[in-house]
Amino acid sequence: MKILVINPGSTSTKLAVYDENGALWKESISHPAKELAQFHHINEQYDYRRQHVKETLAKTGLTDGFDAIVARGGILKPTPGGVYRIDEGIKHDLWYADMEHASNLGAWIADEIATEFQCPAYIADPVVTDELCDIARLTGVPEIPRISAFHALNSRAVSRNYAARIGKKYEELNLVVAHMGGGISVSAHHYGKVIDVNNALNGEGPFSPERAGTVPARQLVDLCFSGKYTYPEIRKMLNGRGGLFAHLGTTDVESIVRWAHAGAEKHRLVLEAMLYTIAKQIGAMHVALHGQTDAIILTGGIAFNDHCISTLREWIEGLAPIVVIPGEDEMGALAMNAIGALKGILPLQEYTPRN
């Protein structure tokens, strides 16, 4: 099988061709800020990115045919995880999404190319994957239900990876997965469903290199009405300029660790505070699984750092076996989802978003 993977990001569009043995070809198309400046809305980039994708593919010599095209899922309405064949409902909700993001264009580009090659087009495990159990949705303010927004693609991919490694099915395990990157999400996987997870995008859970995580509600309200900050500035505090960046002016965990080891007390304190919030969230997801966690998986870019992993171990090693699978492989995960769908191993989901 030959699978084309399309993954649009803020300043690049990543492409890859996979077969069942792995990647045959990879390319990252850079989109300079000067070129993107001409567009005022992400949807206006569609023709620009589509043309770059087609031109790049034409140079590869791999365009004699694909069995499927798969794209990164964008900011859809909340929907269960899994593999979806791209349809008009998915395309509509991505075009009119509540939040602008380059990934919203992936399904559109994939669907057009799939039409040319007469093959199916898919998305898989979008960031808005929503499988929360009912009690996990409620808060003390009825107008503010909890929302599932997390690193669904990588969290589920590493879970399947671990299950296969121990000779089990993902659907047979209870797992806590901590994805630690620019944003941090900690998810509770109960027999194949993510029954609880912090909203890693909009201010819940651990603070991260660039996001604020959970903050005291009353103090946030007071800040919002203080007159010191605009609405966009408050949003940036929560996502983009929060977390490590707000305290230390950098999101580079490796350099923060080096400063901490060199005796910089503020760097040590802030880093340890972030890891403490991750450990507490892992504990909360362990409780969501009734304390029956088969393994805790630590993944994402921060999982490469030995200091961060050893510090986390000090807090969580008594809960369940700890498995470290550093980094993330979105392209490979998308390809494997497409292959699973083609083989009938992974059932195709019907896009029926929650209201």
Protein backbone atom coordinates (compact mmCIF):
# COMPACT_ATOMS: atom_id res chain seq x y z
CA MET A 1 0.00 0.00 0.00
CA LYS A 2 1.16 3.53 -0.73
CA ILE A 3 -0.20 6.33 1.47
CA LEU A 4 0.25 10.08 0.99
CA VAL A 5 0.26 12.04 4.26
CA ILE A 6 -0.47 15.78 4.40
CA ASN A 7 0.13 17.79 7.59
CA PRO A 8 -0.28 21.60 7.33
CA GLY A 9 1.31 23.60 10.14
CA SER A 10 1.50 27.31 10.88
CA THR A 11 4.61 27.99 8.73
CA SER A 12 5.06 24.72 6.83
CA THR A 13 3.21 21.88 5.13
CA LYS A 14 4.72 18.46 5.79
CA LEU A 15 4.32 15.72 3.21
CA ALA A 16 5.28 12.05 3.29
CA VAL A 17 4.67 8.84 1.41
CA TYR A 18 4.48 5.62 3.42
CA ASP A 19 4.02 1.96 2.76
CA GLU A 20 3.50 -0.77 5.36
CA ASN A 21 7.24 -0.83 6.15
CA GLY A 22 7.60 2.87 6.86
CA ALA A 23 8.38 6.14 5.13
CA LEU A 24 9.42 6.11 1.46
CA TRP A 25 9.81 9.88 1.20
CA LYS A 26 9.40 12.98 3.37
CA GLU A 27 9.41 16.69 2.61
CA SER A 28 8.60 19.85 4.55
CA ILE A 29 7.46 22.82 2.48
CA SER A 30 8.43 26.07 4.20
CA HIS A 31 6.02 29.00 4.03
CA PRO A 32 7.94 32.23 4.77
CA ALA A 33 6.20 34.81 6.93
CA LYS A 34 6.52 37.37 4.11
CA GLU A 35 4.45 35.13 1.81
CA LEU A 36 1.85 34.31 4.46
CA ALA A 37 1.43 38.00 5.31
CA GLN A 38 -0.67 38.52 2.18
CA PHE A 39 -3.43 36.33 3.66
CA HIS A 40 -5.83 37.68 6.28
CA HIS A 41 -7.60 34.40 7.08
CA ILE A 42 -6.30 30.85 7.08
CA ASN A 43 -8.84 29.83 4.42
CA GLU A 44 -7.25 32.29 2.01
CA GLN A 45 -4.11 30.10 2.09
CA TYR A 46 -5.90 27.15 0.51
CA ASP A 47 -4.94 27.71 -3.13
CA TYR A 48 -1.43 28.76 -2.12
CA ARG A 49 -0.75 25.62 -0.06
CA ARG A 50 -2.53 23.26 -2.47
CA GLN A 51 -0.37 24.50 -5.36
CA HIS A 52 2.82 24.04 -3.31
CA VAL A 53 1.76 20.49 -2.44
CA LYS A 54 1.02 19.59 -6.07
CA GLU A 55 4.28 21.09 -7.33
CA THR A 56 6.31 19.26 -4.68
CA LEU A 57 4.60 15.94 -5.42
CA ALA A 58 5.23 16.35 -9.14
CA LYS A 59 8.98 16.37 -8.46
CA THR A 60 9.03 13.14 -6.46
CA GLY A 61 8.31 10.53 -9.11
CA LEU A 62 5.98 8.84 -6.60
CA THR A 63 2.74 10.02 -8.16
CA ASP A 64 1.88 6.92 -10.19
CA GLY A 65 -0.90 6.23 -7.71
CA PHE A 66 -1.85 6.16 -4.04
CA ASP A 67 -4.07 3.75 -2.14
CA ALA A 68 -5.21 6.56 0.18
CA ILE A 69 -4.53 10.16 1.16
CA VAL A 70 -4.65 11.03 4.86
CA ALA A 71 -4.48 14.49 6.42
CA ARG A 72 -4.11 15.83 9.92
CA GLY A 73 -7.56 16.54 11.36
CA GLY A 74 -8.29 20.18 12.10
CA ILE A 75 -10.47 22.07 14.55
CA LEU A 76 -13.71 20.23 13.91
CA LYS A 77 -16.65 20.11 16.26
CA PRO A 78 -16.20 17.62 19.13
CA THR A 79 -16.33 14.07 17.77
CA PRO A 80 -15.14 10.60 18.86
CA GLY A 81 -11.65 9.56 17.83
CA GLY A 82 -10.75 7.21 15.01
CA VAL A 83 -10.43 7.29 11.22
CA TYR A 84 -12.91 9.32 9.16
CA ARG A 85 -13.40 9.34 5.41
CA ILE A 86 -13.45 13.00 4.44
CA ASP A 87 -16.96 14.11 3.48
CA GLU A 88 -18.75 17.39 2.87
CA GLY A 89 -19.75 17.69 6.53
CA ILE A 90 -16.12 17.50 7.65
CA LYS A 91 -15.03 19.99 4.99
CA HIS A 92 -17.84 22.41 5.91
CA ASP A 93 -17.02 22.38 9.62
CA LEU A 94 -13.31 22.87 8.95
CA TRP A 95 -13.95 25.80 6.60
CA TYR A 96 -16.23 27.48 9.17
CA ALA A 97 -14.28 26.36 12.24
CA ASP A 98 -14.43 28.43 15.43
CA MET A 99 -10.64 28.65 15.51
CA GLU A 100 -8.27 29.39 12.63
CA HIS A 101 -5.55 26.79 12.21
CA ALA A 102 -3.57 25.61 9.19
CA SER A 103 -4.61 22.01 9.89
CA ASN A 104 -8.15 23.00 8.87
CA LEU A 105 -6.93 23.01 5.26
CA GLY A 106 -5.50 19.49 5.33
CA ALA A 107 -8.75 17.66 4.61
CA TRP A 108 -9.58 20.04 1.75
CA ILE A 109 -6.21 19.47 0.05
CA ALA A 110 -6.34 15.71 0.68
CA ASP A 111 -9.84 15.39 -0.72
CA GLU A 112 -8.94 17.22 -3.92
CA ILE A 113 -5.82 15.14 -4.53
CA ALA A 114 -7.70 11.92 -3.69
CA THR A 115 -10.30 12.79 -6.33
CA GLU A 116 -7.53 13.08 -8.92
CA PHE A 117 -6.04 9.72 -7.93
CA GLN A 118 -9.44 8.05 -7.42
CA CYS A 119 -8.63 6.85 -3.91
CA PRO A 120 -10.15 7.47 -0.47
CA ALA A 121 -9.18 10.48 1.66
CA TYR A 122 -9.10 10.28 5.46
CA ILE A 123 -8.42 12.21 8.63
CA ALA A 124 -7.62 10.50 11.93
CA ASP A 125 -7.84 11.33 15.65
CA PRO A 126 -8.28 15.12 15.36
CA VAL A 127 -7.30 17.35 18.27
CA VAL A 128 -10.99 17.76 19.15
CA THR A 129 -11.45 14.02 19.75
CA ASP A 130 -14.17 13.83 22.39
CA GLU A 131 -14.92 10.61 24.25
CA LEU A 132 -15.32 12.08 27.73
CA CYS A 133 -17.54 10.17 30.11
CA ASP A 134 -20.59 12.15 31.19
CA ILE A 135 -19.38 12.98 34.69
CA ALA A 136 -16.13 14.38 33.28
CA ARG A 137 -18.02 17.06 31.33
CA LEU A 138 -19.66 18.89 34.23
CA THR A 139 -18.21 21.79 36.17
CA GLY A 140 -19.71 23.90 38.94
CA VAL A 141 -20.83 26.43 36.35
CA PRO A 142 -23.42 24.89 33.98
CA GLU A 143 -22.55 27.39 31.25
CA ILE A 144 -18.92 26.20 31.26
CA PRO A 145 -18.75 22.46 30.49
CA ARG A 146 -15.34 20.83 30.20
CA ILE A 147 -14.05 20.42 26.63
CA SER A 148 -11.81 17.70 25.23
CA ALA A 149 -8.92 19.19 23.23
CA PHE A 150 -5.63 17.31 23.34
CA HIS A 151 -2.84 15.55 21.44
CA ALA A 152 -5.18 12.76 20.40
CA LEU A 153 -3.19 11.53 17.40
CA ASN A 154 0.10 10.94 19.20
CA SER A 155 -1.50 9.85 22.49
CA ARG A 156 -3.46 7.10 20.78
CA ALA A 157 -0.56 6.13 18.47
CA VAL A 158 1.87 5.58 21.37
CA SER A 159 -0.83 3.67 23.23
CA ARG A 160 -1.27 1.29 20.30
CA ASN A 161 2.51 1.05 20.01
CA TYR A 162 2.86 0.06 23.66
CA ALA A 163 -0.03 -2.41 23.49
CA ALA A 164 1.51 -4.17 20.48
CA ARG A 165 4.88 -4.26 22.23
CA ILE A 166 3.44 -6.27 25.13
CA GLY A 167 1.24 -8.48 22.97
CA LYS A 168 -2.04 -6.81 23.88
CA LYS A 169 -4.70 -4.80 22.10
CA TYR A 170 -5.09 -1.11 22.91
CA GLU A 171 -8.73 -1.84 23.70
CA GLU A 172 -7.65 -4.24 26.48
CA LEU A 173 -5.70 -1.70 28.53
CA ASN A 174 -6.12 1.17 30.98
CA LEU A 175 -3.45 3.76 30.22
CA VAL A 176 -2.51 7.26 31.34
CA VAL A 177 -0.69 9.13 28.57
CA ALA A 178 1.16 12.38 29.27
CA HIS A 179 2.03 14.18 26.04
CA MET A 180 4.57 16.85 26.95
CA GLY A 181 5.42 19.43 24.31
CA GLY A 182 4.64 23.11 23.77
CA GLY A 183 1.26 22.16 25.21
CA ILE A 184 0.73 19.35 27.70
CA SER A 185 -2.19 16.94 27.79
CA VAL A 186 -2.70 14.02 30.17
CA SER A 187 -5.35 11.55 29.07
CA ALA A 188 -7.06 8.54 30.65
CA HIS A 189 -7.50 5.70 28.12
CA HIS A 190 -10.08 3.15 29.28
CA TYR A 191 -10.28 0.12 27.00
CA GLY A 192 -9.83 2.17 23.83
CA LYS A 193 -11.74 5.32 24.86
CA VAL A 194 -10.28 8.55 26.23
CA ILE A 195 -12.71 9.04 29.09
CA ASP A 196 -11.02 12.10 30.59
CA VAL A 197 -8.32 14.59 29.60
CA ASN A 198 -7.39 18.18 30.34
CA ASN A 199 -8.16 20.79 27.68
CA ALA A 200 -4.57 21.38 26.62
CA LEU A 201 -5.45 24.20 24.25
CA ASN A 202 -7.53 26.67 26.22
CA GLY A 203 -6.41 26.78 29.83
CA GLU A 204 -6.74 23.60 31.87
CA GLY A 205 -4.36 21.13 33.47
CA PRO A 206 -0.58 21.46 33.80
CA PHE A 207 1.15 24.62 32.70
CA SER A 208 3.53 24.04 29.82
CA PRO A 209 6.33 25.79 27.95
CA GLU A 210 3.83 28.21 26.37
CA ARG A 211 0.43 27.65 28.02
CA ALA A 212 -0.89 28.72 31.40
CA GLY A 213 -2.87 25.60 32.30
CA THR A 214 -5.34 25.85 35.17
CA VAL A 215 -5.23 29.17 37.02
CA PRO A 216 -7.34 30.39 39.98
CA ALA A 217 -10.68 31.40 38.48
CA ARG A 218 -11.42 34.45 40.65
CA GLN A 219 -7.97 35.92 40.11
CA LEU A 220 -8.32 35.42 36.36
CA VAL A 221 -11.71 37.16 36.39
CA ASP A 222 -10.23 40.06 38.34
CA LEU A 223 -7.39 40.32 35.83
CA CYS A 224 -9.83 40.31 32.91
CA PHE A 225 -11.77 43.23 34.41
CA SER A 226 -8.76 45.15 35.70
CA GLY A 227 -8.58 47.30 32.57
CA LYS A 228 -4.89 46.49 32.17
CA TYR A 229 -5.26 43.97 29.37
CA THR A 230 -7.29 43.52 26.21
CA TYR A 231 -9.21 40.37 25.36
CA PRO A 232 -6.54 39.18 22.87
CA GLU A 233 -3.81 39.83 25.45
CA ILE A 234 -5.58 37.69 28.05
CA ARG A 235 -5.98 34.89 25.51
CA LYS A 236 -2.26 35.07 24.75
CA MET A 237 -1.52 34.73 28.47
CA LEU A 238 -3.41 31.45 28.44
CA ASN A 239 -2.04 30.09 25.17
CA GLY A 240 1.12 31.32 23.50
CA ARG A 241 2.80 33.48 26.13
CA GLY A 242 1.96 31.59 29.33
CA GLY A 243 3.77 28.87 31.25
CA LEU A 244 7.55 28.76 31.12
CA PHE A 245 7.62 31.66 28.67
CA ALA A 246 5.72 33.94 31.05
CA HIS A 247 8.10 33.17 33.92
CA LEU A 248 11.44 32.83 32.11
CA GLY A 249 11.04 34.34 28.65
CA THR A 250 11.81 31.07 26.86
CA THR A 251 10.07 27.82 25.96
CA ASP A 252 13.34 25.89 25.55
CA VAL A 253 13.20 23.19 28.23
CA GLU A 254 16.74 21.96 27.51
CA SER A 255 18.24 25.39 28.18
CA ILE A 256 16.11 25.83 31.31
CA VAL A 257 17.42 22.52 32.65
CA ARG A 258 21.00 23.66 31.97
CA TRP A 259 20.37 26.96 33.80
CA ALA A 260 18.85 25.06 36.72
CA HIS A 261 21.86 22.73 36.95
CA ALA A 262 24.13 25.77 36.85
CA GLY A 263 22.46 27.12 39.99
CA ALA A 264 19.75 29.42 38.62
CA GLU A 265 17.19 29.07 41.42
CA LYS A 266 14.29 30.68 39.54
CA HIS A 267 14.76 28.33 36.58
CA ARG A 268 14.90 25.32 38.90
CA LEU A 269 11.77 26.39 40.76
CA VAL A 270 9.64 27.15 37.69
CA LEU A 271 10.68 23.95 35.92
CA GLU A 272 9.95 21.83 38.97
CA ALA A 273 6.59 23.57 39.40
CA MET A 274 5.64 22.66 35.83
CA LEU A 275 6.64 19.02 36.36
CA TYR A 276 4.70 19.01 39.63
CA THR A 277 1.53 20.06 37.81
CA ILE A 278 2.09 17.27 35.27
CA ALA A 279 2.50 14.72 38.06
CA LYS A 280 -0.70 15.92 39.75
CA GLN A 281 -2.61 15.59 36.48
CA ILE A 282 -1.26 12.07 36.00
CA GLY A 283 -2.53 11.27 39.49
CA ALA A 284 -5.95 12.66 38.59
CA MET A 285 -6.17 10.48 35.47
CA HIS A 286 -5.09 7.47 37.54
CA VAL A 287 -8.10 8.17 39.76
CA ALA A 288 -10.32 8.47 36.64
CA LEU A 289 -9.29 4.88 35.88
CA HIS A 290 -10.29 3.80 39.41
CA GLY A 291 -6.64 3.28 40.25
CA GLN A 292 -6.45 0.38 37.77
CA THR A 293 -3.79 1.85 35.47
CA ASP A 294 -1.80 -0.71 33.48
CA ALA A 295 0.91 1.79 32.47
CA ILE A 296 1.76 5.48 32.43
CA ILE A 297 3.21 6.57 29.08
CA LEU A 298 5.39 9.69 28.95
CA THR A 299 5.70 11.07 25.42
CA GLY A 300 6.27 14.29 23.46
CA GLY A 301 9.42 16.35 23.10
CA ILE A 302 10.00 16.91 26.83
CA ALA A 303 10.19 13.13 27.30
CA PHE A 304 13.65 13.25 25.66
CA ASN A 305 14.98 15.11 28.72
CA ASP A 306 16.37 12.75 31.37
CA HIS A 307 16.12 15.34 34.15
CA CYS A 308 12.41 15.92 33.52
CA ILE A 309 11.69 12.19 33.36
CA SER A 310 13.63 11.41 36.54
CA THR A 311 11.87 14.23 38.39
CA LEU A 312 8.45 12.96 37.29
CA ARG A 313 9.37 9.43 38.36
CA GLU A 314 9.93 10.63 41.92
CA TRP A 315 6.26 11.62 42.15
CA ILE A 316 4.46 8.96 40.09
CA GLU A 317 6.48 5.75 40.18
CA GLY A 318 4.21 4.19 42.82
CA LEU A 319 1.09 4.47 40.64
CA ALA A 320 1.82 2.12 37.73
CA PRO A 321 4.67 1.00 35.46
CA ILE A 322 6.19 3.97 33.62
CA VAL A 323 6.92 3.75 29.89
CA VAL A 324 8.88 6.49 28.08
CA ILE A 325 8.19 6.91 24.35
CA PRO A 326 9.76 10.31 23.57
CA GLY A 327 8.86 12.57 20.68
CA GLU A 328 5.92 12.29 18.37
CA ASP A 329 5.43 10.88 14.90
CA GLU A 330 2.28 12.49 13.53
CA MET A 331 3.10 11.53 9.95
CA GLY A 332 3.68 7.87 10.77
CA ALA A 333 0.61 7.77 12.99
CA LEU A 334 -1.57 9.19 10.22
CA ALA A 335 -0.18 6.68 7.72
CA MET A 336 -0.78 3.73 10.05
CA ASN A 337 -4.35 4.89 10.66
CA ALA A 338 -4.97 4.98 6.91
CA ILE A 339 -3.46 1.53 6.41
CA GLY A 340 -5.53 0.20 9.32
CA ALA A 341 -8.68 1.60 7.71
CA LEU A 342 -7.84 0.12 4.30
CA LYS A 343 -7.23 -3.29 5.86
CA GLY A 344 -10.43 -3.14 7.90
CA ILE A 345 -8.49 -3.31 11.17
CA LEU A 346 -9.68 0.17 12.17
CA PRO A 347 -13.37 0.81 11.49
CA LEU A 348 -14.33 4.01 9.71
CA GLN A 349 -16.18 6.43 11.97
CA GLU A 350 -19.20 8.49 10.96
CA TYR A 351 -18.78 12.20 11.58
CA THR A 352 -21.66 13.04 13.92
CA PRO A 353 -20.35 15.91 16.05
CA ARG A 354 -21.66 16.73 19.47
CA ASN A 355 -23.84 19.84 19.64
